Amino acid sequence: MPSFDTVLEPDMVKIKHGVDNSAKEIGTRFDFKGTGAKVELKEKEKEIHATGDSEFQLEQIEAVLYGKLTKQDVTINFLDKSEKIDKLGGDKVRQVYKIRDGIAADLAKKIVGSIKDSKLKVQASIQGDTVRITGKNRDDLQTAIAHLKKSFSDTPLNYNNFRD
């Protein structure tokens, strides 16, 4: 049975390059001179920490970060900015961006439901943080990929492990 896996995994090398380029620009820009502005990647925790002197400065750092990540072909939807801005000592503030990795259970259920509602001749099953989709022929799977790209255009899903 032909099958493929639907996954949500960022390219950490490109994210690292984007964060490094952002840190370089923040270090050389005139409006950041003499301030505590910095951006750093915590690879093990899959987080990006942006630190600045004010919330306005955090917005400027975010604009630089988003620009550099976009130049590295990293979809901004991989970043989850749901956490509140932390107040550090003095007037310093920090924003934490979590890097989304793996399909969450609720998103996996939505994907499976979408496949079932589409009336395609494929089956979807949740396997950990991936969704495996199987069908009788390759054309059905390609139709399923097209359907998922259209239905979940705001989520940077990847399709790999294509088997015939």
N, C-alpha and C. Protein backbone atom coordinates (compact mmCIF):
# COMPACT_ATOMS: atom_id res chain seq x y z
N MET A 1 0.84 -1.19 0.00
CA MET A 1 0.00 0.00 0.00
C MET A 1 0.88 1.25 0.00
N PRO A 2 0.70 2.14 -0.96
CA PRO A 2 1.44 3.40 -0.96
C PRO A 2 1.05 4.26 0.25
N SER A 3 2.02 4.96 0.80
CA SER A 3 1.74 5.81 1.95
C SER A 3 2.75 6.95 2.02
N PHE A 4 2.43 7.95 2.83
CA PHE A 4 3.37 9.02 3.15
C PHE A 4 3.06 9.53 4.55
N ASP A 5 4.04 10.23 5.13
CA ASP A 5 3.88 10.80 6.46
C ASP A 5 3.73 12.31 6.36
N THR A 6 2.80 12.85 7.12
CA THR A 6 2.63 14.29 7.24
C THR A 6 3.29 14.69 8.55
N VAL A 7 4.28 15.59 8.46
CA VAL A 7 5.03 15.98 9.65
C VAL A 7 5.10 17.50 9.75
N LEU A 8 5.48 17.98 10.90
CA LEU A 8 5.70 19.40 11.15
C LEU A 8 7.07 19.51 11.78
N GLU A 9 8.09 19.65 10.95
CA GLU A 9 9.44 19.74 11.49
C GLU A 9 10.22 20.86 10.80
N PRO A 10 10.75 21.78 11.59
CA PRO A 10 11.50 22.90 11.02
C PRO A 10 12.92 22.48 10.64
N ASP A 11 13.53 23.25 9.75
CA ASP A 11 14.92 23.06 9.39
C ASP A 11 15.76 23.86 10.38
N MET A 12 16.28 23.18 11.41
CA MET A 12 16.98 23.88 12.50
C MET A 12 18.25 24.57 12.02
N VAL A 13 18.87 24.07 10.97
CA VAL A 13 20.09 24.71 10.44
C VAL A 13 19.74 26.09 9.90
N LYS A 14 18.65 26.17 9.13
CA LYS A 14 18.23 27.47 8.58
C LYS A 14 17.79 28.42 9.69
N ILE A 15 17.12 27.88 10.71
CA ILE A 15 16.72 28.73 11.84
C ILE A 15 17.95 29.26 12.56
N LYS A 16 18.96 28.41 12.75
CA LYS A 16 20.20 28.83 13.41
C LYS A 16 20.88 29.94 12.62
N HIS A 17 20.94 29.78 11.29
CA HIS A 17 21.55 30.82 10.45
C HIS A 17 20.77 32.12 10.53
N GLY A 18 19.44 32.03 10.53
CA GLY A 18 18.61 33.22 10.63
C GLY A 18 18.81 33.95 11.95
N VAL A 19 18.89 33.20 13.05
CA VAL A 19 19.10 33.82 14.36
C VAL A 19 20.50 34.42 14.44
N ASP A 20 21.50 33.71 13.92
CA ASP A 20 22.87 34.25 13.92
C ASP A 20 22.97 35.54 13.11
N ASN A 21 22.32 35.57 11.95
CA ASN A 21 22.32 36.79 11.13
C ASN A 21 21.60 37.93 11.83
N SER A 22 20.52 37.60 12.55
CA SER A 22 19.79 38.62 13.31
C SER A 22 20.67 39.18 14.42
N ALA A 23 21.37 38.31 15.12
CA ALA A 23 22.26 38.75 16.20
C ALA A 23 23.36 39.66 15.66
N LYS A 24 23.89 39.30 14.48
CA LYS A 24 24.92 40.13 13.85
C LYS A 24 24.39 41.52 13.52
N GLU A 25 23.20 41.57 12.93
CA GLU A 25 22.63 42.86 12.56
C GLU A 25 22.32 43.70 13.80
N ILE A 26 21.78 43.06 14.83
CA ILE A 26 21.46 43.78 16.06
C ILE A 26 22.75 44.34 16.69
N GLY A 27 23.84 43.60 16.58
CA GLY A 27 25.11 44.07 17.12
C GLY A 27 25.70 45.24 16.36
N THR A 28 25.36 45.40 15.09
CA THR A 28 25.96 46.47 14.28
C THR A 28 25.04 47.66 14.04
N ARG A 29 23.75 47.50 14.27
CA ARG A 29 22.83 48.62 14.00
C ARG A 29 23.01 49.74 15.01
N PHE A 30 22.92 50.97 14.50
CA PHE A 30 23.15 52.15 15.32
C PHE A 30 22.10 52.29 16.42
N ASP A 31 20.83 51.99 16.11
CA ASP A 31 19.78 52.19 17.12
C ASP A 31 19.83 51.16 18.24
N PHE A 32 20.63 50.10 18.09
CA PHE A 32 20.79 49.11 19.16
C PHE A 32 22.11 49.29 19.92
N LYS A 33 22.95 50.24 19.52
CA LYS A 33 24.24 50.45 20.19
C LYS A 33 24.03 50.87 21.64
N GLY A 34 24.77 50.26 22.53
CA GLY A 34 24.71 50.62 23.94
C GLY A 34 23.49 50.11 24.68
N THR A 35 22.70 49.28 24.04
CA THR A 35 21.52 48.72 24.71
C THR A 35 21.75 47.24 24.98
N GLY A 36 20.84 46.64 25.70
CA GLY A 36 20.96 45.22 26.01
C GLY A 36 20.23 44.34 25.00
N ALA A 37 20.08 44.83 23.78
CA ALA A 37 19.33 44.07 22.77
C ALA A 37 20.14 42.87 22.31
N LYS A 38 19.50 41.71 22.34
CA LYS A 38 20.16 40.50 21.81
C LYS A 38 19.11 39.46 21.49
N VAL A 39 19.49 38.54 20.62
CA VAL A 39 18.63 37.42 20.26
C VAL A 39 19.50 36.17 20.24
N GLU A 40 18.99 35.07 20.82
CA GLU A 40 19.78 33.85 20.88
C GLU A 40 18.88 32.63 20.74
N LEU A 41 19.46 31.58 20.19
CA LEU A 41 18.75 30.33 19.96
C LEU A 41 19.13 29.32 21.03
N LYS A 42 18.13 28.74 21.68
CA LYS A 42 18.34 27.65 22.63
C LYS A 42 17.91 26.38 21.90
N GLU A 43 18.89 25.68 21.30
CA GLU A 43 18.57 24.54 20.43
C GLU A 43 17.93 23.38 21.18
N LYS A 44 18.42 23.06 22.37
CA LYS A 44 17.88 21.91 23.09
C LYS A 44 16.43 22.14 23.50
N GLU A 45 16.10 23.37 23.91
CA GLU A 45 14.73 23.67 24.31
C GLU A 45 13.86 24.04 23.11
N LYS A 46 14.49 24.22 21.94
CA LYS A 46 13.80 24.66 20.72
C LYS A 46 13.08 25.97 20.97
N GLU A 47 13.85 26.96 21.43
CA GLU A 47 13.32 28.28 21.72
C GLU A 47 14.27 29.35 21.21
N ILE A 48 13.70 30.52 20.89
CA ILE A 48 14.49 31.70 20.55
C ILE A 48 14.17 32.74 21.61
N HIS A 49 15.20 33.30 22.23
CA HIS A 49 15.03 34.31 23.27
C HIS A 49 15.46 35.65 22.72
N ALA A 50 14.55 36.62 22.73
CA ALA A 50 14.85 37.99 22.34
C ALA A 50 14.81 38.85 23.59
N THR A 51 15.89 39.59 23.86
CA THR A 51 15.99 40.41 25.05
C THR A 51 16.22 41.86 24.63
N GLY A 52 15.51 42.78 25.28
CA GLY A 52 15.67 44.19 24.95
C GLY A 52 15.41 45.06 26.16
N ASP A 53 15.56 46.39 25.95
CA ASP A 53 15.37 47.34 27.04
C ASP A 53 13.91 47.78 27.19
N SER A 54 13.10 47.58 26.15
CA SER A 54 11.70 47.97 26.23
C SER A 54 10.88 47.11 25.27
N GLU A 55 9.57 47.21 25.40
CA GLU A 55 8.70 46.43 24.51
C GLU A 55 8.83 46.92 23.08
N PHE A 56 9.04 48.23 22.92
CA PHE A 56 9.24 48.78 21.57
C PHE A 56 10.50 48.18 20.93
N GLN A 57 11.55 48.06 21.71
CA GLN A 57 12.78 47.47 21.20
C GLN A 57 12.59 45.99 20.84
N LEU A 58 11.77 45.29 21.63
CA LEU A 58 11.46 43.89 21.30
C LEU A 58 10.75 43.79 19.95
N GLU A 59 9.87 44.75 19.66
CA GLU A 59 9.19 44.76 18.36
C GLU A 59 10.20 44.95 17.23
N GLN A 60 11.19 45.82 17.44
CA GLN A 60 12.23 46.03 16.43
C GLN A 60 13.07 44.76 16.25
N ILE A 61 13.41 44.10 17.34
CA ILE A 61 14.18 42.86 17.27
C ILE A 61 13.37 41.80 16.53
N GLU A 62 12.07 41.74 16.82
CA GLU A 62 11.20 40.77 16.15
C GLU A 62 11.17 41.01 14.63
N ALA A 63 11.13 42.28 14.23
CA ALA A 63 11.11 42.60 12.80
C ALA A 63 12.41 42.13 12.13
N VAL A 64 13.54 42.35 12.80
CA VAL A 64 14.83 41.90 12.26
C VAL A 64 14.84 40.37 12.18
N LEU A 65 14.40 39.70 13.25
CA LEU A 65 14.39 38.24 13.30
C LEU A 65 13.51 37.66 12.20
N TYR A 66 12.30 38.17 12.06
CA TYR A 66 11.39 37.67 11.03
C TYR A 66 11.98 37.87 9.63
N GLY A 67 12.60 39.03 9.41
CA GLY A 67 13.22 39.30 8.10
C GLY A 67 14.33 38.32 7.78
N LYS A 68 15.19 38.06 8.75
CA LYS A 68 16.32 37.14 8.53
C LYS A 68 15.85 35.70 8.37
N LEU A 69 14.83 35.29 9.13
CA LEU A 69 14.31 33.93 8.98
C LEU A 69 13.63 33.76 7.62
N THR A 70 12.94 34.78 7.17
CA THR A 70 12.29 34.71 5.87
C THR A 70 13.32 34.59 4.75
N LYS A 71 14.44 35.29 4.88
CA LYS A 71 15.51 35.19 3.88
C LYS A 71 16.11 33.79 3.86
N GLN A 72 16.02 33.08 4.97
CA GLN A 72 16.53 31.70 5.04
C GLN A 72 15.46 30.68 4.61
N ASP A 73 14.33 31.15 4.10
CA ASP A 73 13.21 30.30 3.67
C ASP A 73 12.61 29.51 4.83
N VAL A 74 12.56 30.12 6.01
CA VAL A 74 11.91 29.51 7.17
C VAL A 74 10.53 30.17 7.30
N THR A 75 9.49 29.36 7.34
CA THR A 75 8.14 29.88 7.51
C THR A 75 7.98 30.39 8.94
N ILE A 76 7.46 31.60 9.07
CA ILE A 76 7.30 32.22 10.38
C ILE A 76 6.28 31.45 11.23
N ASN A 77 5.43 30.65 10.59
CA ASN A 77 4.44 29.88 11.33
C ASN A 77 5.06 28.84 12.24
N PHE A 78 6.36 28.55 12.07
CA PHE A 78 7.03 27.62 12.97
C PHE A 78 7.22 28.24 14.36
N LEU A 79 7.19 29.56 14.45
CA LEU A 79 7.41 30.24 15.73
C LEU A 79 6.09 30.43 16.45
N ASP A 80 6.06 30.07 17.71
CA ASP A 80 4.89 30.22 18.56
C ASP A 80 5.19 31.31 19.58
N LYS A 81 4.54 32.46 19.43
CA LYS A 81 4.81 33.61 20.29
C LYS A 81 3.71 33.75 21.35
N SER A 82 3.23 32.65 21.88
CA SER A 82 2.10 32.68 22.79
C SER A 82 2.46 33.12 24.20
N GLU A 83 3.73 33.03 24.56
CA GLU A 83 4.11 33.40 25.92
C GLU A 83 4.14 34.92 26.08
N LYS A 84 3.85 35.37 27.28
CA LYS A 84 3.85 36.79 27.57
C LYS A 84 5.28 37.31 27.66
N ILE A 85 5.42 38.61 27.57
CA ILE A 85 6.72 39.24 27.70
C ILE A 85 7.15 39.19 29.16
N ASP A 86 8.35 38.65 29.41
CA ASP A 86 8.87 38.54 30.77
C ASP A 86 9.59 39.81 31.15
N LYS A 87 9.36 40.28 32.37
CA LYS A 87 10.10 41.42 32.91
C LYS A 87 11.31 40.86 33.65
N LEU A 88 12.49 41.26 33.21
CA LEU A 88 13.71 40.85 33.89
C LEU A 88 14.10 41.96 34.86
N GLY A 89 15.26 41.87 35.45
CA GLY A 89 15.70 42.89 36.39
C GLY A 89 15.85 44.25 35.73
N GLY A 90 15.51 45.31 36.45
CA GLY A 90 15.63 46.66 35.90
C GLY A 90 14.56 46.91 34.86
N ASP A 91 15.01 47.46 33.72
CA ASP A 91 14.04 47.76 32.66
C ASP A 91 14.14 46.76 31.50
N LYS A 92 14.80 45.64 31.72
CA LYS A 92 14.96 44.63 30.67
C LYS A 92 13.69 43.78 30.53
N VAL A 93 13.41 43.42 29.28
CA VAL A 93 12.28 42.54 29.00
C VAL A 93 12.72 41.45 28.03
N ARG A 94 12.02 40.30 28.06
CA ARG A 94 12.39 39.17 27.20
C ARG A 94 11.13 38.56 26.61
N GLN A 95 11.24 38.20 25.33
CA GLN A 95 10.17 37.48 24.63
C GLN A 95 10.73 36.12 24.22
N VAL A 96 9.97 35.06 24.50
CA VAL A 96 10.39 33.71 24.14
C VAL A 96 9.52 33.22 22.99
N TYR A 97 10.18 32.76 21.93
CA TYR A 97 9.49 32.18 20.78
C TYR A 97 9.77 30.68 20.80
N LYS A 98 8.72 29.89 20.93
CA LYS A 98 8.88 28.44 20.87
C LYS A 98 8.85 28.00 19.42
N ILE A 99 9.74 27.07 19.07
CA ILE A 99 9.79 26.54 17.72
C ILE A 99 8.91 25.30 17.68
N ARG A 100 7.86 25.35 16.88
CA ARG A 100 6.93 24.23 16.79
C ARG A 100 7.61 23.06 16.09
N ASP A 101 7.55 21.89 16.72
CA ASP A 101 8.16 20.69 16.17
C ASP A 101 7.26 19.51 16.49
N GLY A 102 6.80 18.83 15.48
CA GLY A 102 5.89 17.71 15.68
C GLY A 102 4.45 18.19 15.68
N ILE A 103 3.57 17.36 15.17
CA ILE A 103 2.16 17.71 15.08
C ILE A 103 1.51 17.47 16.43
N ALA A 104 0.88 18.49 16.98
CA ALA A 104 0.18 18.37 18.26
C ALA A 104 -1.06 17.48 18.07
N ALA A 105 -1.55 16.92 19.16
CA ALA A 105 -2.66 15.97 19.09
C ALA A 105 -3.92 16.59 18.49
N ASP A 106 -4.23 17.85 18.86
CA ASP A 106 -5.44 18.46 18.33
C ASP A 106 -5.32 18.74 16.83
N LEU A 107 -4.13 19.15 16.37
CA LEU A 107 -3.92 19.36 14.93
C LEU A 107 -3.97 18.03 14.18
N ALA A 108 -3.42 16.98 14.77
CA ALA A 108 -3.47 15.66 14.13
C ALA A 108 -4.91 15.20 13.97
N LYS A 109 -5.74 15.44 14.97
CA LYS A 109 -7.15 15.06 14.87
C LYS A 109 -7.85 15.86 13.78
N LYS A 110 -7.50 17.15 13.65
CA LYS A 110 -8.09 17.97 12.59
C LYS A 110 -7.69 17.46 11.21
N ILE A 111 -6.43 17.04 11.08
CA ILE A 111 -5.94 16.51 9.80
C ILE A 111 -6.69 15.23 9.44
N VAL A 112 -6.80 14.32 10.40
CA VAL A 112 -7.52 13.05 10.16
C VAL A 112 -8.98 13.34 9.81
N GLY A 113 -9.61 14.25 10.53
CA GLY A 113 -11.00 14.61 10.25
C GLY A 113 -11.16 15.22 8.87
N SER A 114 -10.21 16.07 8.49
CA SER A 114 -10.26 16.69 7.17
C SER A 114 -10.13 15.66 6.06
N ILE A 115 -9.25 14.68 6.25
CA ILE A 115 -9.08 13.62 5.25
C ILE A 115 -10.37 12.79 5.14
N LYS A 116 -10.98 12.46 6.28
CA LYS A 116 -12.22 11.68 6.25
C LYS A 116 -13.36 12.46 5.60
N ASP A 117 -13.46 13.76 5.89
CA ASP A 117 -14.52 14.59 5.33
C ASP A 117 -14.35 14.82 3.83
N SER A 118 -13.13 14.68 3.32
CA SER A 118 -12.87 14.96 1.91
C SER A 118 -13.37 13.85 0.99
N LYS A 119 -13.76 12.71 1.56
CA LYS A 119 -14.26 11.57 0.80
C LYS A 119 -13.23 11.00 -0.18
N LEU A 120 -11.95 11.23 0.09
CA LEU A 120 -10.89 10.63 -0.72
C LEU A 120 -10.74 9.17 -0.32
N LYS A 121 -10.19 8.37 -1.23
CA LYS A 121 -10.03 6.94 -0.95
C LYS A 121 -8.68 6.69 -0.28
N VAL A 122 -8.48 7.36 0.84
CA VAL A 122 -7.26 7.20 1.63
C VAL A 122 -7.65 7.09 3.10
N GLN A 123 -6.74 6.53 3.90
CA GLN A 123 -6.94 6.42 5.33
C GLN A 123 -5.84 7.20 6.03
N ALA A 124 -6.19 7.88 7.10
CA ALA A 124 -5.22 8.63 7.88
C ALA A 124 -5.17 8.06 9.29
N SER A 125 -3.96 7.91 9.82
CA SER A 125 -3.81 7.42 11.18
C SER A 125 -2.73 8.22 11.90
N ILE A 126 -2.96 8.50 13.17
CA ILE A 126 -2.03 9.26 13.98
C ILE A 126 -0.98 8.31 14.53
N GLN A 127 0.29 8.65 14.31
CA GLN A 127 1.39 7.83 14.82
C GLN A 127 2.38 8.74 15.54
N GLY A 128 2.14 8.96 16.81
CA GLY A 128 3.01 9.84 17.58
C GLY A 128 2.79 11.29 17.16
N ASP A 129 3.86 11.94 16.70
CA ASP A 129 3.73 13.32 16.25
C ASP A 129 3.70 13.43 14.72
N THR A 130 3.33 12.34 14.05
CA THR A 130 3.13 12.35 12.60
C THR A 130 1.75 11.78 12.27
N VAL A 131 1.29 12.04 11.07
CA VAL A 131 0.05 11.45 10.57
C VAL A 131 0.40 10.68 9.32
N ARG A 132 0.16 9.38 9.32
CA ARG A 132 0.44 8.54 8.15
C ARG A 132 -0.83 8.41 7.33
N ILE A 133 -0.68 8.64 6.03
CA ILE A 133 -1.81 8.54 5.12
C ILE A 133 -1.51 7.45 4.11
N THR A 134 -2.42 6.48 3.99
CA THR A 134 -2.23 5.37 3.07
C THR A 134 -3.40 5.33 2.09
N GLY A 135 -3.12 4.82 0.90
CA GLY A 135 -4.15 4.71 -0.12
C GLY A 135 -3.81 3.60 -1.09
N LYS A 136 -4.72 3.35 -2.03
CA LYS A 136 -4.49 2.25 -2.96
C LYS A 136 -3.55 2.61 -4.09
N ASN A 137 -3.53 3.88 -4.49
CA ASN A 137 -2.60 4.26 -5.56
C ASN A 137 -2.00 5.63 -5.29
N ARG A 138 -0.98 5.94 -6.06
CA ARG A 138 -0.20 7.17 -5.88
C ARG A 138 -1.05 8.41 -6.15
N ASP A 139 -1.95 8.33 -7.11
CA ASP A 139 -2.77 9.49 -7.47
C ASP A 139 -3.65 9.93 -6.30
N ASP A 140 -4.20 8.98 -5.57
CA ASP A 140 -5.01 9.33 -4.40
C ASP A 140 -4.18 10.05 -3.35
N LEU A 141 -2.94 9.60 -3.17
CA LEU A 141 -2.06 10.25 -2.18
C LEU A 141 -1.72 11.67 -2.62
N GLN A 142 -1.47 11.86 -3.91
CA GLN A 142 -1.15 13.21 -4.39
C GLN A 142 -2.36 14.13 -4.24
N THR A 143 -3.54 13.59 -4.45
CA THR A 143 -4.76 14.37 -4.23
C THR A 143 -4.90 14.72 -2.74
N ALA A 144 -4.54 13.79 -1.88
CA ALA A 144 -4.60 14.04 -0.43
C ALA A 144 -3.61 15.14 -0.03
N ILE A 145 -2.41 15.12 -0.61
CA ILE A 145 -1.42 16.17 -0.32
C ILE A 145 -1.96 17.52 -0.76
N ALA A 146 -2.53 17.58 -1.96
CA ALA A 146 -3.10 18.84 -2.45
C ALA A 146 -4.22 19.33 -1.53
N HIS A 147 -5.06 18.41 -1.07
CA HIS A 147 -6.14 18.76 -0.16
C HIS A 147 -5.60 19.32 1.16
N LEU A 148 -4.57 18.68 1.71
CA LEU A 148 -3.99 19.15 2.97
C LEU A 148 -3.32 20.51 2.81
N LYS A 149 -2.63 20.72 1.68
CA LYS A 149 -1.99 22.03 1.44
C LYS A 149 -3.04 23.13 1.38
N LYS A 150 -4.18 22.83 0.78
CA LYS A 150 -5.24 23.83 0.66
C LYS A 150 -5.93 24.04 2.01
N SER A 151 -6.21 22.96 2.73
CA SER A 151 -6.96 23.05 3.99
C SER A 151 -6.13 23.64 5.12
N PHE A 152 -4.84 23.35 5.15
CA PHE A 152 -3.97 23.80 6.25
C PHE A 152 -2.87 24.70 5.71
N SER A 153 -3.25 25.72 4.95
CA SER A 153 -2.27 26.60 4.32
C SER A 153 -1.51 27.44 5.35
N ASP A 154 -2.09 27.65 6.53
CA ASP A 154 -1.41 28.44 7.56
C ASP A 154 -0.45 27.62 8.41
N THR A 155 -0.41 26.30 8.20
CA THR A 155 0.47 25.42 8.96
C THR A 155 1.54 24.87 8.02
N PRO A 156 2.81 24.99 8.38
CA PRO A 156 3.89 24.55 7.48
C PRO A 156 4.12 23.04 7.52
N LEU A 157 3.17 22.28 7.01
CA LEU A 157 3.29 20.82 7.00
C LEU A 157 4.29 20.36 5.94
N ASN A 158 5.01 19.30 6.25
CA ASN A 158 5.92 18.67 5.29
C ASN A 158 5.40 17.25 5.02
N TYR A 159 5.72 16.75 3.86
CA TYR A 159 5.26 15.43 3.46
C TYR A 159 6.49 14.63 3.09
N ASN A 160 6.76 13.56 3.83
CA ASN A 160 7.95 12.78 3.56
C ASN A 160 7.65 11.29 3.70
N ASN A 161 8.68 10.48 3.54
CA ASN A 161 8.58 9.03 3.69
C ASN A 161 7.55 8.45 2.72
N PHE A 162 7.57 8.99 1.48
CA PHE A 162 6.63 8.55 0.46
C PHE A 162 7.01 7.14 0.00
N ARG A 163 6.11 6.19 0.15
CA ARG A 163 6.38 4.77 -0.21
C ARG A 163 5.41 4.33 -1.28
N ASP A 164 5.90 3.51 -2.18
CA ASP A 164 5.02 2.97 -3.22
C ASP A 164 4.61 1.57 -2.93
